[in-house]
Amino acid sequence: MIWDPGIRETIGVSSIADDLILQMAEVCGSCSEISDEAYAEVAFAVEAAVADAEVAVASSQESLVLLAARAIHGLGYRKAASRLYVLGTEIVRPTEWASLGDMTVWVLDLVRLAQASDLSLEIGFRRTVLGVVDTIAYVWDDTDGVGALALEKFMMPAAAGGGNRLHKRSRRDELVEMVQLKLEKLASGRNWTAVPKVITAEL
């Protein structure tokens, strides 16, 4: 148990736990592995840690989400922790593009992902990208695979080498192809009737 049920009487009323519970329920709600009680336990633990100054935490929502994700992982809910980490910190975020009509485009910020994961090798970066695609696959279940994934701010870790513009374009195309193949495998395994399209967004 990571949260003392009586702690709220000590720290008083705070929106931290309430906001976190709502966010966890929204992001992790379809994870059958985690219960509503676990959401509350994690949220109140983060709230208590901040109140007791047990951790040095910035006031940003992202910092609180990171604490919650670590706590969820510590409880053994790895899938839910991954979802909260990726979506709660907006490494992946939903958006709409007029050129694609009403289709929701999920944008994967590659620079933010590399920085958050502290990656320095290209092979590790590629594996992490595929792991993120696995984590967010459920977002296309309701649309039966209809949708798009945009790879934003394309880059490769510095250790992978700089290279000229043609080389960088080749590596970008390789990454796009790799992610598209991953989505095709997910579509087959999840019985989607369509496969999300991979596009690039150089923003």
N, C-alpha and C. Protein backbone atom coordinates (compact mmCIF):
# COMPACT_ATOMS: atom_id res chain seq x y z
N MET A 1 0.85 -1.20 0.00
CA MET A 1 0.00 0.00 0.00
C MET A 1 0.88 1.24 0.00
N ILE A 2 0.69 2.15 -0.99
CA ILE A 2 1.54 3.32 -1.05
C ILE A 2 0.84 4.58 -0.56
N TRP A 3 -0.41 4.43 -0.14
CA TRP A 3 -1.14 5.61 0.31
C TRP A 3 -1.84 5.31 1.61
N ASP A 4 -1.70 6.19 2.57
CA ASP A 4 -2.37 6.08 3.86
C ASP A 4 -3.76 6.71 3.70
N PRO A 5 -4.84 5.94 3.83
CA PRO A 5 -6.20 6.47 3.62
C PRO A 5 -6.52 7.68 4.48
N GLY A 6 -5.83 7.86 5.61
CA GLY A 6 -6.14 8.99 6.46
C GLY A 6 -5.39 10.25 6.12
N ILE A 7 -4.56 10.19 5.07
CA ILE A 7 -3.70 11.32 4.76
C ILE A 7 -4.48 12.55 4.33
N ARG A 8 -5.66 12.36 3.72
CA ARG A 8 -6.40 13.52 3.22
C ARG A 8 -6.85 14.43 4.35
N GLU A 9 -7.11 13.87 5.52
CA GLU A 9 -7.50 14.70 6.64
C GLU A 9 -6.35 15.58 7.09
N THR A 10 -5.13 15.10 6.83
CA THR A 10 -3.94 15.85 7.24
C THR A 10 -3.59 16.94 6.25
N ILE A 11 -3.68 16.62 4.94
CA ILE A 11 -3.21 17.57 3.94
C ILE A 11 -4.32 18.49 3.44
N GLY A 12 -5.55 18.17 3.79
CA GLY A 12 -6.65 19.02 3.37
C GLY A 12 -7.10 18.74 1.94
N VAL A 13 -7.96 19.61 1.42
CA VAL A 13 -8.54 19.41 0.10
C VAL A 13 -7.58 19.94 -0.96
N SER A 14 -7.36 19.15 -2.00
CA SER A 14 -6.48 19.55 -3.09
C SER A 14 -7.04 19.03 -4.39
N SER A 15 -6.77 19.78 -5.46
CA SER A 15 -7.25 19.34 -6.77
C SER A 15 -6.27 18.39 -7.43
N ILE A 16 -5.09 18.22 -6.86
CA ILE A 16 -4.07 17.38 -7.48
C ILE A 16 -4.59 15.96 -7.69
N ALA A 17 -5.08 15.35 -6.62
CA ALA A 17 -5.55 13.97 -6.71
C ALA A 17 -6.75 13.86 -7.65
N ASP A 18 -7.69 14.79 -7.52
CA ASP A 18 -8.88 14.74 -8.37
C ASP A 18 -8.52 14.84 -9.84
N ASP A 19 -7.61 15.78 -10.17
CA ASP A 19 -7.19 15.95 -11.56
C ASP A 19 -6.49 14.71 -12.09
N LEU A 20 -5.63 14.12 -11.25
CA LEU A 20 -4.90 12.94 -11.66
C LEU A 20 -5.83 11.74 -11.88
N ILE A 21 -6.80 11.59 -10.99
CA ILE A 21 -7.76 10.48 -11.14
C ILE A 21 -8.50 10.60 -12.47
N LEU A 22 -8.94 11.81 -12.80
CA LEU A 22 -9.65 12.02 -14.06
C LEU A 22 -8.75 11.71 -15.25
N GLN A 23 -7.50 12.17 -15.18
CA GLN A 23 -6.59 11.95 -16.29
C GLN A 23 -6.24 10.48 -16.45
N MET A 24 -6.01 9.80 -15.33
CA MET A 24 -5.69 8.37 -15.39
C MET A 24 -6.87 7.57 -15.92
N ALA A 25 -8.07 7.93 -15.50
CA ALA A 25 -9.26 7.23 -15.97
C ALA A 25 -9.46 7.42 -17.46
N GLU A 26 -9.16 8.62 -17.95
CA GLU A 26 -9.32 8.92 -19.37
C GLU A 26 -8.29 8.17 -20.21
N VAL A 27 -7.05 8.16 -19.75
CA VAL A 27 -5.97 7.56 -20.53
C VAL A 27 -5.91 6.05 -20.36
N CYS A 28 -6.12 5.59 -19.13
CA CYS A 28 -5.94 4.16 -18.82
C CYS A 28 -7.25 3.42 -18.62
N GLY A 29 -8.36 4.09 -18.85
CA GLY A 29 -9.66 3.51 -18.53
C GLY A 29 -9.95 2.17 -19.16
N SER A 30 -9.40 1.93 -20.36
CA SER A 30 -9.68 0.67 -21.04
C SER A 30 -8.70 -0.44 -20.63
N CYS A 31 -7.81 -0.13 -19.70
CA CYS A 31 -6.88 -1.16 -19.21
C CYS A 31 -7.58 -1.99 -18.14
N SER A 32 -7.88 -3.21 -18.44
CA SER A 32 -8.60 -4.05 -17.48
C SER A 32 -7.73 -4.44 -16.29
N GLU A 33 -6.40 -4.22 -16.42
CA GLU A 33 -5.50 -4.64 -15.35
C GLU A 33 -5.56 -3.73 -14.13
N ILE A 34 -6.09 -2.53 -14.27
CA ILE A 34 -6.04 -1.56 -13.17
C ILE A 34 -7.46 -1.18 -12.73
N SER A 35 -7.63 -0.99 -11.43
CA SER A 35 -8.95 -0.70 -10.87
C SER A 35 -9.08 0.77 -10.49
N ASP A 36 -10.32 1.19 -10.25
CA ASP A 36 -10.57 2.56 -9.80
C ASP A 36 -9.86 2.83 -8.47
N GLU A 37 -9.81 1.80 -7.62
CA GLU A 37 -9.15 1.95 -6.32
C GLU A 37 -7.66 2.25 -6.50
N ALA A 38 -7.06 1.62 -7.52
CA ALA A 38 -5.64 1.86 -7.78
C ALA A 38 -5.40 3.29 -8.25
N TYR A 39 -6.33 3.83 -9.07
CA TYR A 39 -6.22 5.22 -9.49
C TYR A 39 -6.17 6.14 -8.27
N ALA A 40 -7.10 5.90 -7.35
CA ALA A 40 -7.19 6.74 -6.16
C ALA A 40 -5.94 6.60 -5.30
N GLU A 41 -5.47 5.37 -5.15
CA GLU A 41 -4.29 5.12 -4.33
C GLU A 41 -3.09 5.89 -4.88
N VAL A 42 -2.90 5.82 -6.17
CA VAL A 42 -1.77 6.50 -6.81
C VAL A 42 -1.93 8.02 -6.71
N ALA A 43 -3.12 8.52 -7.03
CA ALA A 43 -3.35 9.96 -7.02
C ALA A 43 -3.14 10.57 -5.65
N PHE A 44 -3.66 9.92 -4.62
CA PHE A 44 -3.50 10.45 -3.27
C PHE A 44 -2.05 10.32 -2.79
N ALA A 45 -1.34 9.31 -3.27
CA ALA A 45 0.07 9.16 -2.92
C ALA A 45 0.89 10.31 -3.50
N VAL A 46 0.61 10.67 -4.75
CA VAL A 46 1.30 11.80 -5.37
C VAL A 46 0.96 13.09 -4.63
N GLU A 47 -0.31 13.26 -4.32
CA GLU A 47 -0.76 14.44 -3.59
C GLU A 47 -0.06 14.55 -2.24
N ALA A 48 0.05 13.43 -1.54
CA ALA A 48 0.69 13.42 -0.22
C ALA A 48 2.18 13.71 -0.32
N ALA A 49 2.82 13.15 -1.36
CA ALA A 49 4.25 13.37 -1.54
C ALA A 49 4.56 14.84 -1.80
N VAL A 50 3.71 15.49 -2.60
CA VAL A 50 3.90 16.90 -2.88
C VAL A 50 3.67 17.73 -1.62
N ALA A 51 2.61 17.40 -0.88
CA ALA A 51 2.28 18.15 0.34
C ALA A 51 3.35 18.01 1.40
N ASP A 52 3.94 16.82 1.49
CA ASP A 52 4.96 16.57 2.50
C ASP A 52 6.36 16.91 2.03
N ALA A 53 6.45 17.41 0.79
CA ALA A 53 7.74 17.76 0.22
C ALA A 53 8.70 16.58 0.23
N GLU A 54 8.16 15.39 0.05
CA GLU A 54 9.00 14.21 -0.01
C GLU A 54 9.73 14.13 -1.34
N VAL A 55 9.20 14.81 -2.33
CA VAL A 55 9.84 14.81 -3.64
C VAL A 55 9.93 16.25 -4.13
N ALA A 56 10.98 16.50 -4.89
CA ALA A 56 11.11 17.81 -5.52
C ALA A 56 10.34 17.77 -6.82
N VAL A 57 9.24 18.47 -6.89
CA VAL A 57 8.39 18.39 -8.08
C VAL A 57 8.00 19.78 -8.55
N ALA A 58 8.09 19.98 -9.84
CA ALA A 58 7.65 21.24 -10.42
C ALA A 58 6.14 21.31 -10.37
N SER A 59 5.62 22.49 -10.56
CA SER A 59 4.17 22.66 -10.46
C SER A 59 3.44 22.22 -11.73
N SER A 60 4.19 21.81 -12.76
CA SER A 60 3.56 21.44 -14.02
C SER A 60 2.80 20.13 -13.89
N GLN A 61 1.74 20.02 -14.67
CA GLN A 61 0.94 18.80 -14.69
C GLN A 61 1.77 17.64 -15.18
N GLU A 62 2.71 17.91 -16.09
CA GLU A 62 3.54 16.84 -16.63
C GLU A 62 4.37 16.17 -15.54
N SER A 63 4.90 16.96 -14.61
CA SER A 63 5.69 16.40 -13.52
C SER A 63 4.84 15.50 -12.64
N LEU A 64 3.61 15.91 -12.39
CA LEU A 64 2.71 15.10 -11.58
C LEU A 64 2.34 13.80 -12.30
N VAL A 65 2.15 13.89 -13.61
CA VAL A 65 1.82 12.70 -14.40
C VAL A 65 2.99 11.71 -14.36
N LEU A 66 4.21 12.22 -14.45
CA LEU A 66 5.38 11.35 -14.39
C LEU A 66 5.45 10.62 -13.05
N LEU A 67 5.18 11.32 -11.97
CA LEU A 67 5.16 10.70 -10.65
C LEU A 67 4.09 9.61 -10.59
N ALA A 68 2.92 9.92 -11.13
CA ALA A 68 1.83 8.94 -11.12
C ALA A 68 2.18 7.72 -11.96
N ALA A 69 2.79 7.94 -13.12
CA ALA A 69 3.17 6.83 -13.99
C ALA A 69 4.17 5.92 -13.30
N ARG A 70 5.13 6.51 -12.60
CA ARG A 70 6.11 5.69 -11.87
C ARG A 70 5.44 4.89 -10.76
N ALA A 71 4.48 5.52 -10.09
CA ALA A 71 3.77 4.82 -9.00
C ALA A 71 2.94 3.66 -9.55
N ILE A 72 2.27 3.89 -10.68
CA ILE A 72 1.48 2.83 -11.30
C ILE A 72 2.37 1.67 -11.72
N HIS A 73 3.52 2.01 -12.27
CA HIS A 73 4.47 0.97 -12.67
C HIS A 73 4.94 0.19 -11.46
N GLY A 74 5.17 0.91 -10.36
CA GLY A 74 5.61 0.26 -9.13
C GLY A 74 4.58 -0.71 -8.57
N LEU A 75 3.32 -0.47 -8.86
CA LEU A 75 2.25 -1.37 -8.42
C LEU A 75 2.09 -2.58 -9.35
N GLY A 76 2.85 -2.55 -10.44
CA GLY A 76 2.81 -3.69 -11.36
C GLY A 76 1.92 -3.51 -12.58
N TYR A 77 1.32 -2.32 -12.73
CA TYR A 77 0.43 -2.07 -13.87
C TYR A 77 1.23 -1.43 -15.01
N ARG A 78 2.01 -2.23 -15.69
CA ARG A 78 2.95 -1.71 -16.68
C ARG A 78 2.26 -1.11 -17.90
N LYS A 79 1.21 -1.76 -18.38
CA LYS A 79 0.51 -1.26 -19.56
C LYS A 79 -0.12 0.10 -19.26
N ALA A 80 -0.77 0.21 -18.13
CA ALA A 80 -1.41 1.47 -17.75
C ALA A 80 -0.35 2.55 -17.54
N ALA A 81 0.77 2.19 -16.93
CA ALA A 81 1.85 3.16 -16.70
C ALA A 81 2.40 3.69 -18.03
N SER A 82 2.56 2.80 -18.99
CA SER A 82 3.07 3.21 -20.30
C SER A 82 2.10 4.16 -20.99
N ARG A 83 0.82 3.85 -20.91
CA ARG A 83 -0.19 4.72 -21.53
C ARG A 83 -0.18 6.11 -20.90
N LEU A 84 -0.13 6.14 -19.57
CA LEU A 84 -0.16 7.42 -18.88
C LEU A 84 1.09 8.23 -19.21
N TYR A 85 2.22 7.55 -19.26
CA TYR A 85 3.49 8.23 -19.56
C TYR A 85 3.47 8.83 -20.96
N VAL A 86 3.06 8.05 -21.94
CA VAL A 86 3.11 8.48 -23.33
C VAL A 86 2.04 9.54 -23.65
N LEU A 87 0.82 9.30 -23.20
CA LEU A 87 -0.28 10.22 -23.52
C LEU A 87 -0.40 11.36 -22.51
N GLY A 88 -0.10 11.07 -21.24
CA GLY A 88 -0.22 12.11 -20.21
C GLY A 88 0.81 13.20 -20.34
N THR A 89 1.98 12.87 -20.90
CA THR A 89 3.04 13.87 -21.11
C THR A 89 3.03 14.41 -22.53
N GLU A 90 2.05 13.98 -23.32
CA GLU A 90 1.86 14.43 -24.70
C GLU A 90 3.03 14.11 -25.60
N ILE A 91 3.73 13.01 -25.30
CA ILE A 91 4.66 12.48 -26.29
C ILE A 91 3.86 12.09 -27.52
N VAL A 92 2.67 11.58 -27.27
CA VAL A 92 1.68 11.36 -28.33
C VAL A 92 0.44 12.16 -27.97
N ARG A 93 -0.10 12.87 -28.94
CA ARG A 93 -1.29 13.69 -28.68
C ARG A 93 -2.23 13.64 -29.88
N PRO A 94 -3.53 13.73 -29.65
CA PRO A 94 -4.48 13.73 -30.77
C PRO A 94 -4.66 15.12 -31.35
N THR A 95 -4.88 15.18 -32.64
CA THR A 95 -5.14 16.45 -33.29
C THR A 95 -5.97 16.19 -34.54
N GLU A 96 -6.41 17.23 -35.19
CA GLU A 96 -7.18 17.10 -36.42
C GLU A 96 -6.54 17.95 -37.51
N TRP A 97 -6.44 17.40 -38.68
CA TRP A 97 -5.90 18.11 -39.83
C TRP A 97 -7.00 18.31 -40.86
N ALA A 98 -7.17 19.54 -41.28
CA ALA A 98 -8.24 19.85 -42.24
C ALA A 98 -8.09 19.03 -43.52
N SER A 99 -6.86 18.78 -43.91
CA SER A 99 -6.62 18.04 -45.16
C SER A 99 -7.07 16.59 -45.09
N LEU A 100 -7.25 16.08 -43.86
CA LEU A 100 -7.66 14.69 -43.68
C LEU A 100 -9.11 14.56 -43.21
N GLY A 101 -9.85 15.65 -43.30
CA GLY A 101 -11.26 15.61 -42.94
C GLY A 101 -11.48 15.44 -41.45
N ASP A 102 -12.41 14.58 -41.09
CA ASP A 102 -12.76 14.36 -39.69
C ASP A 102 -11.86 13.33 -39.01
N MET A 103 -10.89 12.81 -39.72
CA MET A 103 -10.03 11.79 -39.17
C MET A 103 -9.13 12.35 -38.06
N THR A 104 -9.05 11.62 -36.95
CA THR A 104 -8.15 12.02 -35.86
C THR A 104 -6.74 11.58 -36.20
N VAL A 105 -5.81 12.52 -36.09
CA VAL A 105 -4.40 12.22 -36.33
C VAL A 105 -3.69 12.21 -34.98
N TRP A 106 -3.02 11.10 -34.68
CA TRP A 106 -2.24 10.99 -33.46
C TRP A 106 -0.80 11.36 -33.79
N VAL A 107 -0.29 12.39 -33.12
CA VAL A 107 1.04 12.93 -33.42
C VAL A 107 2.05 12.41 -32.41
N LEU A 108 3.10 11.77 -32.91
CA LEU A 108 4.20 11.28 -32.07
C LEU A 108 5.36 12.24 -32.20
N ASP A 109 5.67 12.94 -31.12
CA ASP A 109 6.76 13.91 -31.08
C ASP A 109 8.07 13.15 -30.86
N LEU A 110 8.85 12.98 -31.92
CA LEU A 110 10.05 12.16 -31.84
C LEU A 110 11.15 12.81 -31.00
N VAL A 111 11.24 14.12 -31.04
CA VAL A 111 12.25 14.81 -30.24
C VAL A 111 11.94 14.66 -28.75
N ARG A 112 10.70 14.88 -28.40
CA ARG A 112 10.30 14.74 -27.00
C ARG A 112 10.50 13.30 -26.52
N LEU A 113 10.19 12.34 -27.38
CA LEU A 113 10.37 10.94 -27.02
C LEU A 113 11.83 10.63 -26.75
N ALA A 114 12.71 11.09 -27.64
CA ALA A 114 14.14 10.82 -27.47
C ALA A 114 14.68 11.47 -26.21
N GLN A 115 14.25 12.69 -25.94
CA GLN A 115 14.71 13.40 -24.74
C GLN A 115 14.21 12.73 -23.47
N ALA A 116 12.95 12.34 -23.48
CA ALA A 116 12.37 11.71 -22.29
C ALA A 116 12.98 10.35 -22.02
N SER A 117 13.36 9.65 -23.09
CA SER A 117 13.90 8.31 -22.94
C SER A 117 15.42 8.31 -22.78
N ASP A 118 16.04 9.48 -22.96
CA ASP A 118 17.50 9.61 -22.83
C ASP A 118 18.21 8.61 -23.73
N LEU A 119 17.80 8.57 -24.99
CA LEU A 119 18.36 7.61 -25.93
C LEU A 119 19.54 8.21 -26.69
N SER A 120 20.56 7.41 -26.94
CA SER A 120 21.71 7.88 -27.68
C SER A 120 22.04 7.00 -28.88
N LEU A 121 21.42 5.84 -28.98
CA LEU A 121 21.69 4.92 -30.08
C LEU A 121 20.47 4.76 -30.96
N GLU A 122 20.69 4.72 -32.26
CA GLU A 122 19.57 4.65 -33.20
C GLU A 122 18.73 3.40 -33.01
N ILE A 123 19.39 2.26 -32.75
CA ILE A 123 18.64 1.02 -32.60
C ILE A 123 17.70 1.09 -31.39
N GLY A 124 18.17 1.72 -30.31
CA GLY A 124 17.31 1.89 -29.14
C GLY A 124 16.16 2.82 -29.42
N PHE A 125 16.42 3.85 -30.22
CA PHE A 125 15.39 4.80 -30.59
C PHE A 125 14.29 4.12 -31.40
N ARG A 126 14.69 3.31 -32.36
CA ARG A 126 13.71 2.61 -33.20
C ARG A 126 12.84 1.68 -32.36
N ARG A 127 13.47 0.95 -31.46
CA ARG A 127 12.71 0.03 -30.60
C ARG A 127 11.74 0.80 -29.71
N THR A 128 12.17 1.95 -29.23
CA THR A 128 11.29 2.76 -28.38
C THR A 128 10.09 3.27 -29.17
N VAL A 129 10.33 3.70 -30.40
CA VAL A 129 9.22 4.16 -31.25
C VAL A 129 8.20 3.04 -31.45
N LEU A 130 8.69 1.84 -31.74
CA LEU A 130 7.78 0.70 -31.92
C LEU A 130 7.04 0.38 -30.63
N GLY A 131 7.71 0.54 -29.50
CA GLY A 131 7.06 0.32 -28.21
C GLY A 131 5.93 1.29 -27.97
N VAL A 132 6.14 2.55 -28.37
CA VAL A 132 5.10 3.56 -28.25
C VAL A 132 3.91 3.21 -29.14
N VAL A 133 4.17 2.76 -30.34
CA VAL A 133 3.09 2.37 -31.25
C VAL A 133 2.28 1.23 -30.64
N ASP A 134 2.96 0.28 -30.02
CA ASP A 134 2.26 -0.81 -29.31
C ASP A 134 1.37 -0.24 -28.21
N THR A 135 1.92 0.71 -27.45
CA THR A 135 1.20 1.28 -26.31
C THR A 135 -0.07 1.98 -26.71
N ILE A 136 -0.04 2.70 -27.83
CA ILE A 136 -1.20 3.50 -28.22
C ILE A 136 -2.11 2.80 -29.22
N ALA A 137 -1.82 1.55 -29.55
CA ALA A 137 -2.62 0.84 -30.57
C ALA A 137 -4.11 0.86 -30.26
N TYR A 138 -4.47 0.83 -28.99
CA TYR A 138 -5.88 0.76 -28.62
C TYR A 138 -6.69 1.96 -29.10
N VAL A 139 -6.01 3.10 -29.39
CA VAL A 139 -6.76 4.29 -29.79
C VAL A 139 -7.47 4.08 -31.13
N TRP A 140 -7.03 3.09 -31.92
CA TRP A 140 -7.66 2.82 -33.21
C TRP A 140 -8.65 1.66 -33.15
N ASP A 141 -8.86 1.10 -31.97
CA ASP A 141 -9.82 0.00 -31.87
C ASP A 141 -11.24 0.45 -32.20
N ASP A 142 -11.63 1.61 -31.70
CA ASP A 142 -13.00 2.09 -31.92
C ASP A 142 -13.26 2.44 -33.38
N THR A 143 -12.20 2.80 -34.12
CA THR A 143 -12.36 3.17 -35.53
C THR A 143 -12.01 2.01 -36.45
N ASP A 144 -11.71 0.85 -35.85
CA ASP A 144 -11.37 -0.34 -36.63
C ASP A 144 -10.14 -0.11 -37.51
N GLY A 145 -9.22 0.70 -36.99
CA GLY A 145 -7.98 0.93 -37.71
C GLY A 145 -7.95 2.17 -38.58
N VAL A 146 -9.07 2.83 -38.72
CA VAL A 146 -9.12 4.05 -39.54
C VAL A 146 -8.49 5.19 -38.75
N GLY A 147 -7.53 5.86 -39.35
CA GLY A 147 -6.86 6.96 -38.67
C GLY A 147 -5.46 7.16 -39.21
N ALA A 148 -4.69 7.99 -38.52
CA ALA A 148 -3.34 8.28 -38.98
C ALA A 148 -2.42 8.53 -37.80
N LEU A 149 -1.14 8.22 -38.00
CA LEU A 149 -0.09 8.50 -37.02
C LEU A 149 0.93 9.39 -37.69
N ALA A 150 1.13 10.58 -37.14
CA ALA A 150 2.09 11.52 -37.71
C ALA A 150 3.38 11.49 -36.89
N LEU A 151 4.49 11.29 -37.56
CA LEU A 151 5.80 11.33 -36.91
C LEU A 151 6.30 12.76 -37.02
N GLU A 152 6.35 13.45 -35.89
CA GLU A 152 6.65 14.88 -35.88
C GLU A 152 8.09 15.12 -35.46
N LYS A 153 8.70 16.14 -36.08
CA LYS A 153 10.07 16.55 -35.73
C LYS A 153 11.04 15.39 -35.89
N PHE A 154 11.07 14.85 -37.10
CA PHE A 154 11.91 13.69 -37.35
C PHE A 154 13.36 13.99 -37.00
N MET A 155 13.95 13.03 -36.31
CA MET A 155 15.36 13.11 -35.95
C MET A 155 15.82 11.72 -35.58
N MET A 156 17.14 11.57 -35.50
CA MET A 156 17.75 10.37 -34.96
C MET A 156 18.75 10.82 -33.92
N PRO A 157 19.02 10.00 -32.90
CA PRO A 157 19.99 10.37 -31.87
C PRO A 157 21.32 10.75 -32.48
N ALA A 158 22.03 11.66 -31.80
CA ALA A 158 23.30 12.17 -32.32
C ALA A 158 24.30 11.07 -32.61
N ALA A 159 24.30 10.03 -31.78
CA ALA A 159 25.26 8.95 -31.93
C ALA A 159 25.04 8.17 -33.22
N ALA A 160 23.86 8.36 -33.84
CA ALA A 160 23.58 7.66 -35.08
C ALA A 160 24.27 8.32 -36.27
N GLY A 161 24.81 9.50 -36.04
CA GLY A 161 25.52 10.19 -37.11
C GLY A 161 24.65 11.25 -37.75
N GLY A 162 25.29 12.30 -38.25
CA GLY A 162 24.56 13.39 -38.86
C GLY A 162 24.09 13.03 -40.26
N GLY A 163 25.06 13.06 -41.22
CA GLY A 163 24.69 12.70 -42.57
C GLY A 163 24.13 13.89 -43.34
N ASN A 164 24.14 13.77 -44.65
CA ASN A 164 23.60 14.85 -45.47
C ASN A 164 22.09 14.74 -45.55
N ARG A 165 21.50 15.68 -46.29
CA ARG A 165 20.03 15.73 -46.36
C ARG A 165 19.46 14.45 -46.97
N LEU A 166 20.14 13.91 -47.99
CA LEU A 166 19.66 12.69 -48.64
C LEU A 166 19.69 11.51 -47.66
N HIS A 167 20.75 11.45 -46.85
CA HIS A 167 20.88 10.38 -45.87
C HIS A 167 19.78 10.48 -44.81
N LYS A 168 19.53 11.69 -44.34
CA LYS A 168 18.50 11.90 -43.34
C LYS A 168 17.12 11.53 -43.88
N ARG A 169 16.88 11.87 -45.16
CA ARG A 169 15.61 11.53 -45.78
C ARG A 169 15.44 10.02 -45.88
N SER A 170 16.55 9.33 -46.19
CA SER A 170 16.52 7.88 -46.28
C SER A 170 16.19 7.25 -44.94
N ARG A 171 16.80 7.76 -43.86
CA ARG A 171 16.54 7.25 -42.52
C ARG A 171 15.11 7.55 -42.10
N ARG A 172 14.60 8.71 -42.49
CA ARG A 172 13.21 9.05 -42.19
C ARG A 172 12.28 8.07 -42.88
N ASP A 173 12.55 7.81 -44.16
CA ASP A 173 11.70 6.89 -44.92
C ASP A 173 11.74 5.48 -44.33
N GLU A 174 12.91 5.07 -43.85
CA GLU A 174 13.05 3.76 -43.23
C GLU A 174 12.21 3.67 -41.96
N LEU A 175 12.22 4.75 -41.17
CA LEU A 175 11.44 4.76 -39.94
C LEU A 175 9.95 4.72 -40.25
N VAL A 176 9.53 5.49 -41.24
CA VAL A 176 8.12 5.49 -41.63
C VAL A 176 7.69 4.10 -42.08
N GLU A 177 8.51 3.45 -42.89
CA GLU A 177 8.19 2.11 -43.37
C GLU A 177 8.12 1.11 -42.22
N MET A 178 9.06 1.23 -41.27
CA MET A 178 9.08 0.33 -40.12
C MET A 178 7.82 0.48 -39.29
N VAL A 179 7.40 1.71 -39.05
CA VAL A 179 6.20 1.97 -38.25
C VAL A 179 4.96 1.49 -39.00
N GLN A 180 4.93 1.69 -40.32
CA GLN A 180 3.78 1.24 -41.10
C GLN A 180 3.65 -0.28 -41.05
N LEU A 181 4.77 -0.98 -41.14
CA LEU A 181 4.74 -2.44 -41.04
C LEU A 181 4.25 -2.88 -39.66
N LYS A 182 4.68 -2.15 -38.62
CA LYS A 182 4.22 -2.46 -37.27
C LYS A 182 2.71 -2.31 -37.17
N LEU A 183 2.18 -1.25 -37.74
CA LEU A 183 0.73 -1.03 -37.70
C LEU A 183 -0.02 -2.08 -38.50
N GLU A 184 0.57 -2.55 -39.57
CA GLU A 184 -0.06 -3.63 -40.34
C GLU A 184 -0.16 -4.91 -39.52
N LYS A 185 0.89 -5.21 -38.75
CA LYS A 185 0.86 -6.39 -37.88
C LYS A 185 -0.17 -6.21 -36.77
N LEU A 186 -0.26 -5.00 -36.23
CA LEU A 186 -1.25 -4.73 -35.18
C LEU A 186 -2.67 -4.86 -35.74
N ALA A 187 -2.86 -4.37 -36.97
CA ALA A 187 -4.18 -4.45 -37.60
C ALA A 187 -4.62 -5.90 -37.75
N SER A 188 -3.67 -6.76 -38.11
CA SER A 188 -3.99 -8.17 -38.25
C SER A 188 -4.29 -8.81 -36.91
N GLY A 189 -3.47 -8.49 -35.92
CA GLY A 189 -3.65 -9.08 -34.60
C GLY A 189 -4.88 -8.59 -33.87
N ARG A 190 -5.31 -7.36 -34.15
CA ARG A 190 -6.46 -6.77 -33.47
C ARG A 190 -7.72 -6.82 -34.34
N ASN A 191 -7.61 -7.45 -35.49
CA ASN A 191 -8.75 -7.64 -36.40
C ASN A 191 -9.36 -6.33 -36.88
N TRP A 192 -8.50 -5.34 -37.14
CA TRP A 192 -8.99 -4.11 -37.74
C TRP A 192 -9.30 -4.36 -39.21
N THR A 193 -10.21 -3.60 -39.76
CA THR A 193 -10.50 -3.69 -41.19
C THR A 193 -9.67 -2.71 -42.00
N ALA A 194 -8.97 -1.81 -41.32
CA ALA A 194 -8.11 -0.83 -41.98
C ALA A 194 -6.80 -0.72 -41.20
N VAL A 195 -5.83 -0.05 -41.81
CA VAL A 195 -4.54 0.16 -41.17
C VAL A 195 -4.28 1.66 -41.08
N PRO A 196 -3.97 2.18 -39.88
CA PRO A 196 -3.66 3.61 -39.75
C PRO A 196 -2.52 3.99 -40.69
N LYS A 197 -2.64 5.15 -41.29
CA LYS A 197 -1.63 5.64 -42.23
C LYS A 197 -0.55 6.40 -41.47
N VAL A 198 0.70 6.16 -41.82
CA VAL A 198 1.83 6.87 -41.22
C VAL A 198 2.22 8.03 -42.11
N ILE A 199 2.28 9.22 -41.52
CA ILE A 199 2.69 10.41 -42.27
C ILE A 199 3.76 11.14 -41.47
N THR A 200 4.42 12.10 -42.08
CA THR A 200 5.42 12.88 -41.38
C THR A 200 4.95 14.31 -41.22
N ALA A 201 5.36 14.93 -40.14
CA ALA A 201 4.99 16.31 -39.86
C ALA A 201 6.24 17.05 -39.43
N GLU A 202 6.84 17.77 -40.33
CA GLU A 202 8.06 18.51 -40.03
C GLU A 202 7.69 19.87 -39.46
N LEU A 203 7.32 19.86 -38.17
CA LEU A 203 6.88 21.12 -37.53
C LEU A 203 7.92 21.63 -36.57
